[in-house]
Amino acid sequence: MLNDEQWADLKAQSPAWIERLRRDLGDLARGRCGWAEVLQIGDAELLGMARLGAGKLESGRAAEAERIFWVLTQLDPFVAWFWMALGDAQAKLGKLERAIEAYGRCLQEAGRMQPPSRDEMRVASLRRGRLLVQVGRPEEAFEDLKRTVELDTAAVPDGERAWVAIQDLAARQLVPQALLLDVPRPR
């Protein structure tokens, strides 16, 4: 911790750095940037961390992957994929409610992108919808699965998977049959 004299010396030696730090911390407090920007952690470093986390997840080390992706979401909370990967790790660890929250944040960030990231929205909706079924929240699951079908493309089978899950919800009478009328057929 700096005392008053040390702080004054630092301000006198690096006024531009102090001003940038003050501005960046203000932006951080207002939700305009993440810690990666404040700490000047570049995209290459974030990408390296993401690759490390993905490798941990693929090799069955979900707890380590969860820690890495949690850090990434704190460093740059505006990257939808970091939130999706965090949700994937948490789902593998059986932390279903936390995974549902992470997929929700992924959907928020993907929707804020210009243009919105339809691929991330489709995948996160499918994954969150499946978890919502598992935790006994079929109405919310239906909405996510419906969104998956709506965002479906002919090149990706997620819409077909979501359609099957919706049919299962209806067959088990967890959602009213009338809701099925609003669901488009997968492409």
Protein backbone atom coordinates (compact mmCIF):
# COMPACT_ATOMS: atom_id res chain seq x y z
CA MET A 1 0.00 0.00 0.00
CA LEU A 2 1.32 3.43 -0.93
CA ASN A 3 1.53 6.13 1.70
CA ASP A 4 0.69 9.75 0.82
CA GLU A 5 4.29 10.64 0.03
CA GLN A 6 4.79 7.63 -2.26
CA TRP A 7 1.51 8.39 -4.05
CA ALA A 8 2.56 12.02 -4.62
CA ASP A 9 5.93 10.85 -6.00
CA LEU A 10 4.23 8.41 -8.37
CA LYS A 11 1.81 11.07 -9.63
CA ALA A 12 4.68 13.48 -10.23
CA GLN A 13 6.73 10.90 -12.16
CA SER A 14 3.93 9.42 -14.31
CA PRO A 15 1.05 11.87 -14.67
CA ALA A 16 -0.13 10.40 -17.99
CA TRP A 17 -0.17 6.88 -16.55
CA ILE A 18 -2.09 8.06 -13.47
CA GLU A 19 -4.64 9.86 -15.66
CA ARG A 20 -5.12 6.76 -17.86
CA LEU A 21 -5.55 4.59 -14.76
CA ARG A 22 -8.09 7.02 -13.28
CA ARG A 23 -10.04 7.10 -16.56
CA ASP A 24 -9.91 3.30 -16.98
CA LEU A 25 -11.02 2.65 -13.41
CA GLY A 26 -13.92 5.06 -13.94
CA ASP A 27 -14.89 3.19 -17.12
CA LEU A 28 -14.60 -0.11 -15.24
CA ALA A 29 -16.87 1.19 -12.46
CA ARG A 30 -19.46 2.26 -15.06
CA GLY A 31 -19.35 -1.11 -16.84
CA ARG A 32 -17.76 0.29 -20.01
CA CYS A 33 -14.68 -1.92 -19.92
CA GLY A 34 -13.28 -4.97 -18.18
CA TRP A 35 -10.18 -5.59 -16.13
CA ALA A 36 -8.29 -6.74 -19.23
CA GLU A 37 -8.43 -3.21 -20.61
CA VAL A 38 -7.48 -1.61 -17.29
CA LEU A 39 -4.57 -4.02 -16.84
CA GLN A 40 -3.68 -3.81 -20.55
CA ILE A 41 -3.98 -7.54 -21.11
CA GLY A 42 -4.08 -8.02 -24.86
CA ASP A 43 -6.35 -10.16 -26.97
CA ALA A 44 -3.53 -12.61 -27.65
CA GLU A 45 -3.13 -13.29 -23.93
CA LEU A 46 -6.88 -13.68 -23.45
CA LEU A 47 -7.02 -16.05 -26.42
CA GLY A 48 -4.16 -18.08 -24.96
CA MET A 49 -6.01 -18.37 -21.66
CA ALA A 50 -9.19 -19.38 -23.49
CA ARG A 51 -7.32 -22.09 -25.39
CA LEU A 52 -5.85 -23.35 -22.13
CA GLY A 53 -9.32 -23.47 -20.57
CA ALA A 54 -10.78 -25.27 -23.59
CA GLY A 55 -7.99 -27.84 -23.40
CA LYS A 56 -8.66 -28.41 -19.72
CA LEU A 57 -12.37 -28.85 -20.41
CA GLU A 58 -11.74 -31.28 -23.28
CA SER A 59 -9.36 -33.34 -21.16
CA GLY A 60 -11.91 -33.74 -18.36
CA ARG A 61 -10.43 -31.18 -15.99
CA ALA A 62 -13.63 -29.18 -15.65
CA ALA A 63 -12.78 -27.60 -12.28
CA GLU A 64 -9.58 -26.10 -13.70
CA ALA A 65 -11.44 -24.98 -16.80
CA GLU A 66 -14.12 -23.37 -14.66
CA ARG A 67 -11.49 -21.30 -12.81
CA ILE A 68 -9.88 -20.18 -16.06
CA PHE A 69 -13.18 -19.20 -17.68
CA TRP A 70 -14.36 -17.43 -14.52
CA VAL A 71 -11.19 -15.33 -14.63
CA LEU A 72 -11.75 -14.61 -18.32
CA THR A 73 -15.32 -13.44 -17.64
CA GLN A 74 -13.93 -11.06 -15.02
CA LEU A 75 -11.17 -9.79 -17.29
CA ASP A 76 -13.48 -9.21 -20.26
CA PRO A 77 -17.14 -9.66 -19.33
CA PHE A 78 -18.29 -8.60 -22.81
CA VAL A 79 -17.08 -11.76 -24.60
CA ALA A 80 -20.09 -14.05 -24.98
CA TRP A 81 -17.95 -17.12 -25.67
CA PHE A 82 -16.19 -16.81 -22.28
CA TRP A 83 -19.59 -17.01 -20.58
CA MET A 84 -20.64 -19.99 -22.69
CA ALA A 85 -17.42 -21.84 -21.88
CA LEU A 86 -17.91 -21.07 -18.17
CA GLY A 87 -21.42 -22.51 -18.42
CA ASP A 88 -20.07 -25.62 -20.13
CA ALA A 89 -17.53 -26.19 -17.34
CA GLN A 90 -20.11 -25.60 -14.63
CA ALA A 91 -22.58 -27.95 -16.31
CA LYS A 92 -19.94 -30.69 -16.39
CA LEU A 93 -19.36 -30.13 -12.68
CA GLY A 94 -23.08 -30.46 -11.96
CA LYS A 95 -23.43 -26.77 -11.03
CA LEU A 96 -26.57 -26.48 -13.12
CA GLU A 97 -27.99 -23.22 -11.71
CA ARG A 98 -24.64 -21.48 -12.14
CA ALA A 99 -24.36 -22.85 -15.68
CA ILE A 100 -27.86 -21.56 -16.46
CA GLU A 101 -26.77 -18.10 -15.25
CA ALA A 102 -23.58 -18.22 -17.33
CA TYR A 103 -25.53 -19.19 -20.46
CA GLY A 104 -27.92 -16.33 -19.71
CA ARG A 105 -25.04 -13.88 -19.58
CA CYS A 106 -23.73 -15.37 -22.84
CA LEU A 107 -27.11 -14.63 -24.42
CA GLN A 108 -27.01 -11.04 -23.13
CA GLU A 109 -23.53 -10.37 -24.47
CA ALA A 110 -24.19 -12.12 -27.79
CA GLY A 111 -27.31 -9.99 -28.21
CA ARG A 112 -25.36 -6.78 -27.55
CA MET A 113 -22.87 -7.46 -30.30
CA GLN A 114 -23.26 -5.53 -33.55
CA PRO A 115 -24.57 -7.47 -35.34
CA PRO A 116 -25.83 -9.91 -32.69
CA SER A 117 -24.03 -13.24 -32.67
CA ARG A 118 -26.80 -15.57 -33.78
CA ASP A 119 -24.54 -18.63 -33.53
CA GLU A 120 -23.67 -18.02 -29.88
CA MET A 121 -27.29 -17.16 -29.11
CA ARG A 122 -28.49 -20.40 -30.74
CA VAL A 123 -25.96 -22.63 -28.97
CA ALA A 124 -26.39 -20.96 -25.55
CA SER A 125 -30.19 -21.17 -25.87
CA LEU A 126 -30.01 -24.89 -26.63
CA ARG A 127 -27.61 -25.62 -23.78
CA ARG A 128 -29.52 -23.51 -21.27
CA GLY A 129 -32.83 -24.98 -22.41
CA ARG A 130 -31.59 -28.51 -21.80
CA LEU A 131 -30.42 -27.57 -18.31
CA LEU A 132 -33.71 -25.84 -17.54
CA VAL A 133 -35.49 -29.11 -18.33
CA GLN A 134 -33.16 -30.94 -15.93
CA VAL A 135 -33.85 -28.52 -13.07
CA GLY A 136 -37.61 -28.65 -13.56
CA ARG A 137 -38.26 -25.31 -15.27
CA PRO A 138 -40.03 -26.46 -18.46
CA GLU A 139 -41.68 -23.14 -19.39
CA GLU A 140 -38.32 -21.36 -19.48
CA ALA A 141 -36.79 -24.34 -21.27
CA PHE A 142 -39.51 -24.13 -23.91
CA GLU A 143 -38.67 -20.47 -24.62
CA ASP A 144 -34.96 -21.22 -25.02
CA LEU A 145 -35.60 -24.24 -27.22
CA LYS A 146 -38.03 -22.23 -29.33
CA ARG A 147 -35.37 -19.52 -29.77
CA THR A 148 -32.93 -22.22 -30.86
CA VAL A 149 -35.32 -23.36 -33.59
CA GLU A 150 -35.91 -19.75 -34.68
CA LEU A 151 -32.15 -19.14 -34.97
CA ASP A 152 -31.52 -22.44 -36.74
CA THR A 153 -29.79 -22.68 -40.09
CA ALA A 154 -29.77 -25.56 -42.53
CA ALA A 155 -26.06 -26.08 -41.89
CA VAL A 156 -26.42 -26.65 -38.13
CA PRO A 157 -28.56 -29.38 -36.49
CA ASP A 158 -29.28 -27.44 -33.25
CA GLY A 159 -32.80 -26.56 -34.41
CA GLU A 160 -33.64 -30.22 -34.93
CA ARG A 161 -32.29 -31.05 -31.45
CA ALA A 162 -34.37 -28.26 -29.94
CA TRP A 163 -37.47 -29.41 -31.85
CA VAL A 164 -37.10 -32.92 -30.44
CA ALA A 165 -36.71 -31.50 -26.92
CA ILE A 166 -39.82 -29.34 -27.38
CA GLN A 167 -41.80 -32.35 -28.55
CA ASP A 168 -40.61 -34.24 -25.47
CA LEU A 169 -41.75 -31.39 -23.18
CA ALA A 170 -45.17 -31.46 -24.82
CA ALA A 171 -45.41 -35.25 -24.70
CA ARG A 172 -44.69 -35.21 -20.98
CA GLN A 173 -47.29 -32.43 -20.65
CA LEU A 174 -44.76 -30.03 -19.13
CA VAL A 175 -45.86 -27.25 -21.50
CA PRO A 176 -49.31 -26.63 -22.99
CA GLN A 177 -49.86 -28.09 -26.48
CA ALA A 178 -51.07 -24.67 -27.66
CA LEU A 179 -47.54 -23.28 -27.32
CA LEU A 180 -46.38 -25.64 -30.07
CA LEU A 181 -48.32 -23.61 -32.62
CA ASP A 182 -45.84 -20.74 -32.18
CA VAL A 183 -42.76 -22.86 -32.86
CA PRO A 184 -41.48 -22.85 -36.43
CA ARG A 185 -40.27 -26.08 -38.00
CA PRO A 186 -36.49 -26.50 -38.06
CA ARG A 187 -34.78 -25.76 -41.37
